[in-house]
All heavy atoms as atom14 arrays in JSON, in Angstrom:
{
  "sequence": "GLILDRDLNAARNLAALAADCDTAGSGPVAGRGADRKTRLGGLVAV",
  "atom14_mask": [
    [1, 1, 1, 1, 0, 0, 0, 0, 0, 0, 0, 0, 0, 0],
    [1, 1, 1, 1, 1, 1, 1, 1, 0, 0, 0, 0, 0, 0],
    [1, 1, 1, 1, 1, 1, 1, 1, 0, 0, 0, 0, 0, 0],
    [1, 1, 1, 1, 1, 1, 1, 1, 0, 0, 0, 0, 0, 0],
    [1, 1, 1, 1, 1, 1, 1, 1, 0, 0, 0, 0, 0, 0],
    [1, 1, 1, 1, 1, 1, 1, 1, 1, 1, 1, 0, 0, 0],
    [1, 1, 1, 1, 1, 1, 1, 1, 0, 0, 0, 0, 0, 0],
    [1, 1, 1, 1, 1, 1, 1, 1, 0, 0, 0, 0, 0, 0],
    [1, 1, 1, 1, 1, 1, 1, 1, 0, 0, 0, 0, 0, 0],
    [1, 1, 1, 1, 1, 0, 0, 0, 0, 0, 0, 0, 0, 0],
    [1, 1, 1, 1, 1, 0, 0, 0, 0, 0, 0, 0, 0, 0],
    [1, 1, 1, 1, 1, 1, 1, 1, 1, 1, 1, 0, 0, 0],
    [1, 1, 1, 1, 1, 1, 1, 1, 0, 0, 0, 0, 0, 0],
    [1, 1, 1, 1, 1, 1, 1, 1, 0, 0, 0, 0, 0, 0],
    [1, 1, 1, 1, 1, 0, 0, 0, 0, 0, 0, 0, 0, 0],
    [1, 1, 1, 1, 1, 0, 0, 0, 0, 0, 0, 0, 0, 0],
    [1, 1, 1, 1, 1, 1, 1, 1, 0, 0, 0, 0, 0, 0],
    [1, 1, 1, 1, 1, 0, 0, 0, 0, 0, 0, 0, 0, 0],
    [1, 1, 1, 1, 1, 0, 0, 0, 0, 0, 0, 0, 0, 0],
    [1, 1, 1, 1, 1, 1, 1, 1, 0, 0, 0, 0, 0, 0],
    [1, 1, 1, 1, 1, 1, 0, 0, 0, 0, 0, 0, 0, 0],
    [1, 1, 1, 1, 1, 1, 1, 1, 0, 0, 0, 0, 0, 0],
    [1, 1, 1, 1, 1, 1, 1, 0, 0, 0, 0, 0, 0, 0],
    [1, 1, 1, 1, 1, 0, 0, 0, 0, 0, 0, 0, 0, 0],
    [1, 1, 1, 1, 0, 0, 0, 0, 0, 0, 0, 0, 0, 0],
    [1, 1, 1, 1, 1, 1, 0, 0, 0, 0, 0, 0, 0, 0],
    [1, 1, 1, 1, 0, 0, 0, 0, 0, 0, 0, 0, 0, 0],
    [1, 1, 1, 1, 1, 1, 1, 0, 0, 0, 0, 0, 0, 0],
    [1, 1, 1, 1, 1, 1, 1, 0, 0, 0, 0, 0, 0, 0],
    [1, 1, 1, 1, 1, 0, 0, 0, 0, 0, 0, 0, 0, 0],
    [1, 1, 1, 1, 0, 0, 0, 0, 0, 0, 0, 0, 0, 0],
    [1, 1, 1, 1, 1, 1, 1, 1, 1, 1, 1, 0, 0, 0],
    [1, 1, 1, 1, 0, 0, 0, 0, 0, 0, 0, 0, 0, 0],
    [1, 1, 1, 1, 1, 0, 0, 0, 0, 0, 0, 0, 0, 0],
    [1, 1, 1, 1, 1, 1, 1, 1, 0, 0, 0, 0, 0, 0],
    [1, 1, 1, 1, 1, 1, 1, 1, 1, 1, 1, 0, 0, 0],
    [1, 1, 1, 1, 1, 1, 1, 1, 1, 0, 0, 0, 0, 0],
    [1, 1, 1, 1, 1, 1, 1, 0, 0, 0, 0, 0, 0, 0],
    [1, 1, 1, 1, 1, 1, 1, 1, 1, 1, 1, 0, 0, 0],
    [1, 1, 1, 1, 1, 1, 1, 1, 0, 0, 0, 0, 0, 0],
    [1, 1, 1, 1, 0, 0, 0, 0, 0, 0, 0, 0, 0, 0],
    [1, 1, 1, 1, 0, 0, 0, 0, 0, 0, 0, 0, 0, 0],
    [1, 1, 1, 1, 1, 1, 1, 1, 0, 0, 0, 0, 0, 0],
    [1, 1, 1, 1, 1, 1, 1, 0, 0, 0, 0, 0, 0, 0],
    [1, 1, 1, 1, 1, 0, 0, 0, 0, 0, 0, 0, 0, 0],
    [1, 1, 1, 1, 1, 1, 1, 0, 0, 0, 0, 0, 0, 0]
  ],
  "atom14_positions": [
    [[53.84, 196.88, 37.06], [52.73, 196.88, 37.98], [51.61, 197.83, 37.63], [50.74, 198.12, 38.47], [0.0, 0.0, 0.0], [0.0, 0.0, 0.0], [0.0, 0.0, 0.0], [0.0, 0.0, 0.0], [0.0, 0.0, 0.0], [0.0, 0.0, 0.0], [0.0, 0.0, 0.0], [0.0, 0.0, 0.0], [0.0, 0.0, 0.0], [0.0, 0.0, 0.0]],
    [[51.56, 198.34, 36.41], [50.51, 199.26, 36.01], [49.18, 198.53, 35.91], [49.09, 197.47, 35.3], [50.86, 199.9, 34.65], [49.81, 200.83, 34.05], [49.67, 202.08, 34.9], [50.15, 201.18, 32.61], [0.0, 0.0, 0.0], [0.0, 0.0, 0.0], [0.0, 0.0, 0.0], [0.0, 0.0, 0.0], [0.0, 0.0, 0.0], [0.0, 0.0, 0.0]],
    [[48.15, 199.1, 36.5], [46.8, 198.57, 36.42], [45.93, 199.65, 35.79], [45.79, 200.74, 36.34], [46.26, 198.17, 37.82], [47.15, 197.1, 38.45], [44.81, 197.67, 37.7], [46.73, 196.71, 39.85], [0.0, 0.0, 0.0], [0.0, 0.0, 0.0], [0.0, 0.0, 0.0], [0.0, 0.0, 0.0], [0.0, 0.0, 0.0], [0.0, 0.0, 0.0]],
    [[45.35, 199.32, 34.63], [44.64, 200.33, 33.86], [43.54, 199.65, 33.07], [43.61, 198.44, 32.76], [45.61, 201.04, 32.9], [45.14, 202.33, 32.23], [44.86, 203.4, 33.28], [46.17, 202.82, 31.23], [0.0, 0.0, 0.0], [0.0, 0.0, 0.0], [0.0, 0.0, 0.0], [0.0, 0.0, 0.0], [0.0, 0.0, 0.0], [0.0, 0.0, 0.0]],
    [[42.5, 200.41, 32.76], [41.44, 199.89, 31.91], [42.02, 199.5, 30.55], [42.87, 200.18, 30.0], [40.34, 200.94, 31.73], [39.22, 200.45, 30.83], [38.39, 199.65, 31.29], [39.2, 200.87, 29.66], [0.0, 0.0, 0.0], [0.0, 0.0, 0.0], [0.0, 0.0, 0.0], [0.0, 0.0, 0.0], [0.0, 0.0, 0.0], [0.0, 0.0, 0.0]],
    [[41.54, 198.39, 30.02], [42.1, 197.84, 28.78], [41.97, 198.82, 27.62], [42.92, 199.05, 26.87], [41.37, 196.53, 28.46], [41.74, 195.91, 27.12], [40.69, 194.89, 26.74], [41.04, 194.25, 25.48], [41.43, 193.0, 25.36], [41.55, 192.24, 26.42], [41.71, 192.49, 24.17], [0.0, 0.0, 0.0], [0.0, 0.0, 0.0], [0.0, 0.0, 0.0]],
    [[40.8, 199.41, 27.45], [40.59, 200.33, 26.33], [41.37, 201.63, 26.5], [41.89, 202.17, 25.53], [39.1, 200.63, 26.18], [38.29, 199.38, 25.87], [38.86, 198.46, 25.26], [37.1, 199.33, 26.23], [0.0, 0.0, 0.0], [0.0, 0.0, 0.0], [0.0, 0.0, 0.0], [0.0, 0.0, 0.0], [0.0, 0.0, 0.0], [0.0, 0.0, 0.0]],
    [[41.46, 202.12, 27.72], [42.24, 203.33, 27.96], [43.72, 203.09, 27.71], [44.43, 203.95, 27.16], [42.01, 203.83, 29.39], [42.78, 205.08, 29.81], [42.48, 206.25, 28.89], [42.48, 205.44, 31.26], [0.0, 0.0, 0.0], [0.0, 0.0, 0.0], [0.0, 0.0, 0.0], [0.0, 0.0, 0.0], [0.0, 0.0, 0.0], [0.0, 0.0, 0.0]],
    [[44.21, 201.92, 28.07], [45.6, 201.57, 27.79], [45.87, 201.52, 26.3], [46.9, 202.02, 25.82], [45.92, 200.22, 28.43], [47.33, 199.74, 28.14], [48.3, 200.29, 28.62], [47.43, 198.71, 27.31], [0.0, 0.0, 0.0], [0.0, 0.0, 0.0], [0.0, 0.0, 0.0], [0.0, 0.0, 0.0], [0.0, 0.0, 0.0], [0.0, 0.0, 0.0]],
    [[44.92, 200.96, 25.52], [45.08, 200.92, 24.07], [45.05, 202.32, 23.47], [45.81, 202.64, 22.54], [43.99, 200.05, 23.45], [0.0, 0.0, 0.0], [0.0, 0.0, 0.0], [0.0, 0.0, 0.0], [0.0, 0.0, 0.0], [0.0, 0.0, 0.0], [0.0, 0.0, 0.0], [0.0, 0.0, 0.0], [0.0, 0.0, 0.0], [0.0, 0.0, 0.0]],
    [[44.19, 203.18, 23.98], [44.1, 204.55, 23.45], [45.4, 205.31, 23.71], [45.86, 206.08, 22.85], [42.92, 205.26, 24.08], [0.0, 0.0, 0.0], [0.0, 0.0, 0.0], [0.0, 0.0, 0.0], [0.0, 0.0, 0.0], [0.0, 0.0, 0.0], [0.0, 0.0, 0.0], [0.0, 0.0, 0.0], [0.0, 0.0, 0.0], [0.0, 0.0, 0.0]],
    [[46.0, 205.12, 24.86], [47.27, 205.8, 25.15], [48.38, 205.29, 24.24], [49.25, 206.06, 23.81], [47.63, 205.62, 26.61], [46.7, 206.37, 27.57], [47.15, 206.21, 29.01], [46.29, 206.99, 29.92], [46.46, 207.02, 31.25], [47.45, 206.32, 31.8], [45.64, 207.74, 31.99], [0.0, 0.0, 0.0], [0.0, 0.0, 0.0], [0.0, 0.0, 0.0]],
    [[48.41, 204.0, 23.96], [49.41, 203.46, 23.05], [49.23, 204.01, 21.64], [50.21, 204.28, 20.93], [49.32, 201.93, 23.03], [49.87, 201.31, 24.29], [50.81, 201.82, 24.9], [49.27, 200.21, 24.7], [0.0, 0.0, 0.0], [0.0, 0.0, 0.0], [0.0, 0.0, 0.0], [0.0, 0.0, 0.0], [0.0, 0.0, 0.0], [0.0, 0.0, 0.0]],
    [[47.99, 204.2, 21.22], [47.73, 204.77, 19.9], [48.19, 206.22, 19.84], [48.76, 206.66, 18.83], [46.26, 204.66, 19.56], [45.7, 203.25, 19.35], [44.19, 203.29, 19.14], [46.37, 202.59, 18.15], [0.0, 0.0, 0.0], [0.0, 0.0, 0.0], [0.0, 0.0, 0.0], [0.0, 0.0, 0.0], [0.0, 0.0, 0.0], [0.0, 0.0, 0.0]],
    [[47.95, 206.97, 20.9], [48.39, 208.37, 20.92], [49.91, 208.47, 20.84], [50.45, 209.42, 20.26], [47.87, 209.06, 22.17], [0.0, 0.0, 0.0], [0.0, 0.0, 0.0], [0.0, 0.0, 0.0], [0.0, 0.0, 0.0], [0.0, 0.0, 0.0], [0.0, 0.0, 0.0], [0.0, 0.0, 0.0], [0.0, 0.0, 0.0], [0.0, 0.0, 0.0]],
    [[50.61, 207.5, 21.41], [52.07, 207.52, 21.37], [52.62, 207.22, 19.98], [53.79, 207.48, 19.71], [52.63, 206.52, 22.37], [0.0, 0.0, 0.0], [0.0, 0.0, 0.0], [0.0, 0.0, 0.0], [0.0, 0.0, 0.0], [0.0, 0.0, 0.0], [0.0, 0.0, 0.0], [0.0, 0.0, 0.0], [0.0, 0.0, 0.0], [0.0, 0.0, 0.0]],
    [[51.78, 206.66, 19.09], [52.24, 206.32, 17.74], [52.02, 207.45, 16.75], [52.24, 207.26, 15.55], [51.47, 205.08, 17.23], [51.83, 203.74, 17.87], [50.94, 202.65, 17.3], [53.28, 203.39, 17.63], [0.0, 0.0, 0.0], [0.0, 0.0, 0.0], [0.0, 0.0, 0.0], [0.0, 0.0, 0.0], [0.0, 0.0, 0.0], [0.0, 0.0, 0.0]],
    [[51.6, 208.61, 17.21], [51.27, 209.69, 16.28], [52.45, 210.1, 15.41], [52.29, 210.42, 14.23], [50.75, 210.9, 17.05], [0.0, 0.0, 0.0], [0.0, 0.0, 0.0], [0.0, 0.0, 0.0], [0.0, 0.0, 0.0], [0.0, 0.0, 0.0], [0.0, 0.0, 0.0], [0.0, 0.0, 0.0], [0.0, 0.0, 0.0], [0.0, 0.0, 0.0]],
    [[53.65, 210.06, 15.97], [54.82, 210.5, 15.21], [55.24, 209.48, 14.16], [55.95, 209.83, 13.2], [55.98, 210.77, 16.16], [0.0, 0.0, 0.0], [0.0, 0.0, 0.0], [0.0, 0.0, 0.0], [0.0, 0.0, 0.0], [0.0, 0.0, 0.0], [0.0, 0.0, 0.0], [0.0, 0.0, 0.0], [0.0, 0.0, 0.0], [0.0, 0.0, 0.0]],
    [[54.81, 208.2, 14.3], [55.24, 207.16, 13.38], [54.22, 206.81, 12.32], [54.51, 206.04, 11.41], [55.58, 205.87, 14.16], [56.67, 206.12, 15.19], [57.51, 207.0, 14.94], [56.66, 205.44, 16.23], [0.0, 0.0, 0.0], [0.0, 0.0, 0.0], [0.0, 0.0, 0.0], [0.0, 0.0, 0.0], [0.0, 0.0, 0.0], [0.0, 0.0, 0.0]],
    [[52.98, 207.35, 12.44], [51.92, 207.0, 11.51], [51.82, 208.05, 10.42], [52.13, 209.22, 10.63], [50.57, 206.88, 12.22], [50.52, 205.52, 13.42], [0.0, 0.0, 0.0], [0.0, 0.0, 0.0], [0.0, 0.0, 0.0], [0.0, 0.0, 0.0], [0.0, 0.0, 0.0], [0.0, 0.0, 0.0], [0.0, 0.0, 0.0], [0.0, 0.0, 0.0]],
    [[51.37, 207.61, 9.25], [51.16, 208.51, 8.12], [49.74, 209.04, 8.14], [48.86, 208.48, 8.78], [51.42, 207.78, 6.79], [52.87, 207.32, 6.69], [53.72, 208.02, 7.25], [53.1, 206.27, 6.08], [0.0, 0.0, 0.0], [0.0, 0.0, 0.0], [0.0, 0.0, 0.0], [0.0, 0.0, 0.0], [0.0, 0.0, 0.0], [0.0, 0.0, 0.0]],
    [[49.52, 210.12, 7.4], [48.18, 210.68, 7.32], [47.3, 209.78, 6.48], [47.77, 209.02, 5.64], [48.23, 212.08, 6.69], [48.84, 211.97, 5.41], [49.0, 213.04, 7.57], [0.0, 0.0, 0.0], [0.0, 0.0, 0.0], [0.0, 0.0, 0.0], [0.0, 0.0, 0.0], [0.0, 0.0, 0.0], [0.0, 0.0, 0.0], [0.0, 0.0, 0.0]],
    [[46.0, 209.9, 6.69], [45.02, 209.1, 5.96], [43.92, 210.0, 5.46], [43.32, 210.74, 6.22], [44.42, 208.03, 6.86], [0.0, 0.0, 0.0], [0.0, 0.0, 0.0], [0.0, 0.0, 0.0], [0.0, 0.0, 0.0], [0.0, 0.0, 0.0], [0.0, 0.0, 0.0], [0.0, 0.0, 0.0], [0.0, 0.0, 0.0], [0.0, 0.0, 0.0]],
    [[43.68, 209.97, 4.18], [42.58, 210.74, 3.61], [41.82, 209.86, 2.66], [41.57, 208.71, 2.93], [0.0, 0.0, 0.0], [0.0, 0.0, 0.0], [0.0, 0.0, 0.0], [0.0, 0.0, 0.0], [0.0, 0.0, 0.0], [0.0, 0.0, 0.0], [0.0, 0.0, 0.0], [0.0, 0.0, 0.0], [0.0, 0.0, 0.0], [0.0, 0.0, 0.0]],
    [[41.44, 210.41, 1.54], [40.77, 209.6, 0.54], [41.8, 208.72, -0.15], [42.92, 209.12, -0.41], [40.08, 210.51, -0.48], [41.03, 211.34, -1.1], [0.0, 0.0, 0.0], [0.0, 0.0, 0.0], [0.0, 0.0, 0.0], [0.0, 0.0, 0.0], [0.0, 0.0, 0.0], [0.0, 0.0, 0.0], [0.0, 0.0, 0.0], [0.0, 0.0, 0.0]],
    [[41.38, 207.48, -0.46], [42.3, 206.56, -1.08], [42.93, 205.64, -0.06], [42.47, 205.49, 1.07], [0.0, 0.0, 0.0], [0.0, 0.0, 0.0], [0.0, 0.0, 0.0], [0.0, 0.0, 0.0], [0.0, 0.0, 0.0], [0.0, 0.0, 0.0], [0.0, 0.0, 0.0], [0.0, 0.0, 0.0], [0.0, 0.0, 0.0], [0.0, 0.0, 0.0]],
    [[44.04, 204.97, -0.4], [44.68, 204.04, 0.53], [45.17, 204.76, 1.78], [45.62, 205.89, 1.74], [45.86, 203.48, -0.29], [45.5, 203.75, -1.71], [44.7, 205.02, -1.71], [0.0, 0.0, 0.0], [0.0, 0.0, 0.0], [0.0, 0.0, 0.0], [0.0, 0.0, 0.0], [0.0, 0.0, 0.0], [0.0, 0.0, 0.0], [0.0, 0.0, 0.0]],
    [[45.07, 204.07, 2.88], [45.5, 204.63, 4.15], [46.54, 203.73, 4.77], [46.73, 202.6, 4.37], [44.3, 204.79, 5.13], [43.33, 205.81, 4.59], [43.61, 203.47, 5.33], [0.0, 0.0, 0.0], [0.0, 0.0, 0.0], [0.0, 0.0, 0.0], [0.0, 0.0, 0.0], [0.0, 0.0, 0.0], [0.0, 0.0, 0.0], [0.0, 0.0, 0.0]],
    [[47.23, 204.26, 5.77], [48.27, 203.49, 6.43], [47.68, 202.29, 7.1], [46.63, 202.34, 7.74], [48.97, 204.38, 7.46], [0.0, 0.0, 0.0], [0.0, 0.0, 0.0], [0.0, 0.0, 0.0], [0.0, 0.0, 0.0], [0.0, 0.0, 0.0], [0.0, 0.0, 0.0], [0.0, 0.0, 0.0], [0.0, 0.0, 0.0], [0.0, 0.0, 0.0]],
    [[48.36, 201.16, 6.99], [47.91, 199.94, 7.64], [47.03, 199.08, 6.77], [46.82, 197.92, 7.08], [0.0, 0.0, 0.0], [0.0, 0.0, 0.0], [0.0, 0.0, 0.0], [0.0, 0.0, 0.0], [0.0, 0.0, 0.0], [0.0, 0.0, 0.0], [0.0, 0.0, 0.0], [0.0, 0.0, 0.0], [0.0, 0.0, 0.0], [0.0, 0.0, 0.0]],
    [[46.44, 199.6, 5.7], [45.56, 198.81, 4.86], [46.4, 197.85, 4.02], [47.28, 198.25, 3.29], [44.75, 199.75, 3.96], [43.7, 199.05, 3.11], [42.58, 198.49, 3.94], [41.92, 199.48, 4.74], [40.91, 200.22, 4.32], [40.48, 200.11, 3.09], [40.31, 201.07, 5.13], [0.0, 0.0, 0.0], [0.0, 0.0, 0.0], [0.0, 0.0, 0.0]],
    [[46.13, 196.57, 4.17], [46.85, 195.56, 3.41], [48.24, 195.26, 3.95], [49.09, 194.75, 3.24], [0.0, 0.0, 0.0], [0.0, 0.0, 0.0], [0.0, 0.0, 0.0], [0.0, 0.0, 0.0], [0.0, 0.0, 0.0], [0.0, 0.0, 0.0], [0.0, 0.0, 0.0], [0.0, 0.0, 0.0], [0.0, 0.0, 0.0], [0.0, 0.0, 0.0]],
    [[48.48, 195.55, 5.23], [49.8, 195.29, 5.8], [50.04, 193.78, 5.89], [49.15, 193.02, 6.2], [49.91, 195.92, 7.19], [0.0, 0.0, 0.0], [0.0, 0.0, 0.0], [0.0, 0.0, 0.0], [0.0, 0.0, 0.0], [0.0, 0.0, 0.0], [0.0, 0.0, 0.0], [0.0, 0.0, 0.0], [0.0, 0.0, 0.0], [0.0, 0.0, 0.0]],
    [[51.27, 193.36, 5.59], [51.59, 191.94, 5.62], [52.66, 191.61, 6.65], [53.26, 190.55, 6.6], [52.05, 191.49, 4.22], [53.25, 192.29, 3.73], [53.62, 193.25, 4.43], [53.79, 191.94, 2.67], [0.0, 0.0, 0.0], [0.0, 0.0, 0.0], [0.0, 0.0, 0.0], [0.0, 0.0, 0.0], [0.0, 0.0, 0.0], [0.0, 0.0, 0.0]],
    [[52.92, 192.5, 7.55], [53.9, 192.24, 8.59], [53.48, 192.95, 9.86], [52.63, 193.84, 9.84], [55.3, 192.72, 8.18], [55.37, 194.23, 7.99], [56.77, 194.66, 7.6], [56.86, 196.1, 7.38], [57.04, 197.0, 8.35], [57.12, 196.58, 9.61], [57.11, 198.27, 8.09], [0.0, 0.0, 0.0], [0.0, 0.0, 0.0], [0.0, 0.0, 0.0]],
    [[54.09, 192.55, 10.97], [53.75, 193.15, 12.24], [54.61, 194.37, 12.51], [55.77, 194.43, 12.12], [53.96, 192.13, 13.37], [53.06, 190.9, 13.21], [53.29, 189.91, 14.33], [52.4, 188.69, 14.16], [52.62, 187.71, 15.24], [0.0, 0.0, 0.0], [0.0, 0.0, 0.0], [0.0, 0.0, 0.0], [0.0, 0.0, 0.0], [0.0, 0.0, 0.0]],
    [[54.04, 195.34, 13.17], [54.76, 196.56, 13.47], [55.89, 196.3, 14.46], [55.71, 195.59, 15.46], [53.79, 197.6, 14.06], [52.72, 197.79, 13.13], [54.48, 198.91, 14.31], [0.0, 0.0, 0.0], [0.0, 0.0, 0.0], [0.0, 0.0, 0.0], [0.0, 0.0, 0.0], [0.0, 0.0, 0.0], [0.0, 0.0, 0.0], [0.0, 0.0, 0.0]],
    [[57.06, 196.85, 14.18], [58.18, 196.69, 15.09], [57.91, 197.49, 16.35], [57.53, 198.67, 16.3], [59.47, 197.17, 14.42], [60.71, 196.92, 15.29], [61.96, 197.33, 14.54], [62.03, 198.77, 14.38], [61.86, 199.39, 13.24], [61.55, 198.72, 12.16], [61.93, 200.71, 13.16], [0.0, 0.0, 0.0], [0.0, 0.0, 0.0], [0.0, 0.0, 0.0]],
    [[58.1, 196.88, 17.49], [57.84, 197.53, 18.77], [59.1, 198.22, 19.27], [60.21, 197.77, 19.04], [57.38, 196.5, 19.81], [56.12, 195.7, 19.4], [55.78, 194.69, 20.48], [54.96, 196.63, 19.17], [0.0, 0.0, 0.0], [0.0, 0.0, 0.0], [0.0, 0.0, 0.0], [0.0, 0.0, 0.0], [0.0, 0.0, 0.0], [0.0, 0.0, 0.0]],
    [[58.89, 199.32, 19.96], [60.02, 200.08, 20.45], [60.34, 199.81, 21.9], [61.34, 200.28, 22.42], [0.0, 0.0, 0.0], [0.0, 0.0, 0.0], [0.0, 0.0, 0.0], [0.0, 0.0, 0.0], [0.0, 0.0, 0.0], [0.0, 0.0, 0.0], [0.0, 0.0, 0.0], [0.0, 0.0, 0.0], [0.0, 0.0, 0.0], [0.0, 0.0, 0.0]],
    [[59.5, 199.05, 22.62], [59.72, 198.79, 24.03], [60.12, 197.37, 24.3], [60.54, 196.62, 23.41], [0.0, 0.0, 0.0], [0.0, 0.0, 0.0], [0.0, 0.0, 0.0], [0.0, 0.0, 0.0], [0.0, 0.0, 0.0], [0.0, 0.0, 0.0], [0.0, 0.0, 0.0], [0.0, 0.0, 0.0], [0.0, 0.0, 0.0], [0.0, 0.0, 0.0]],
    [[59.95, 196.94, 25.53], [60.27, 195.58, 25.92], [59.22, 194.62, 25.4], [58.04, 194.95, 25.33], [60.37, 195.49, 27.44], [61.36, 196.45, 28.1], [61.31, 196.29, 29.61], [62.76, 196.19, 27.59], [0.0, 0.0, 0.0], [0.0, 0.0, 0.0], [0.0, 0.0, 0.0], [0.0, 0.0, 0.0], [0.0, 0.0, 0.0], [0.0, 0.0, 0.0]],
    [[59.65, 193.42, 25.05], [58.76, 192.43, 24.46], [58.91, 191.11, 25.2], [60.03, 190.67, 25.45], [59.06, 192.22, 22.97], [58.13, 191.19, 22.37], [58.94, 193.53, 22.22], [0.0, 0.0, 0.0], [0.0, 0.0, 0.0], [0.0, 0.0, 0.0], [0.0, 0.0, 0.0], [0.0, 0.0, 0.0], [0.0, 0.0, 0.0], [0.0, 0.0, 0.0]],
    [[57.79, 190.49, 25.54], [57.81, 189.17, 26.15], [57.81, 188.14, 25.03], [56.84, 188.03, 24.29], [56.6, 188.97, 27.06], [0.0, 0.0, 0.0], [0.0, 0.0, 0.0], [0.0, 0.0, 0.0], [0.0, 0.0, 0.0], [0.0, 0.0, 0.0], [0.0, 0.0, 0.0], [0.0, 0.0, 0.0], [0.0, 0.0, 0.0], [0.0, 0.0, 0.0]],
    [[58.9, 187.37, 24.88], [59.06, 186.43, 23.79], [58.62, 185.04, 24.24], [59.04, 184.57, 25.3], [60.52, 186.38, 23.3], [60.66, 185.43, 22.13], [60.97, 187.78, 22.89], [0.0, 0.0, 0.0], [0.0, 0.0, 0.0], [0.0, 0.0, 0.0], [0.0, 0.0, 0.0], [0.0, 0.0, 0.0], [0.0, 0.0, 0.0], [0.0, 0.0, 0.0]]
  ]
}
């Protein structure tokens, strides 16, 4: 029943991924050229 602004909800989800993401600097960064979907850790509607 959570009601939240769409962009704010996305920003909170991104903040929760901080522990699973790699650093990005010069050169290739995480997520560039990915060929699969990220595994989700919560409930999923199939």
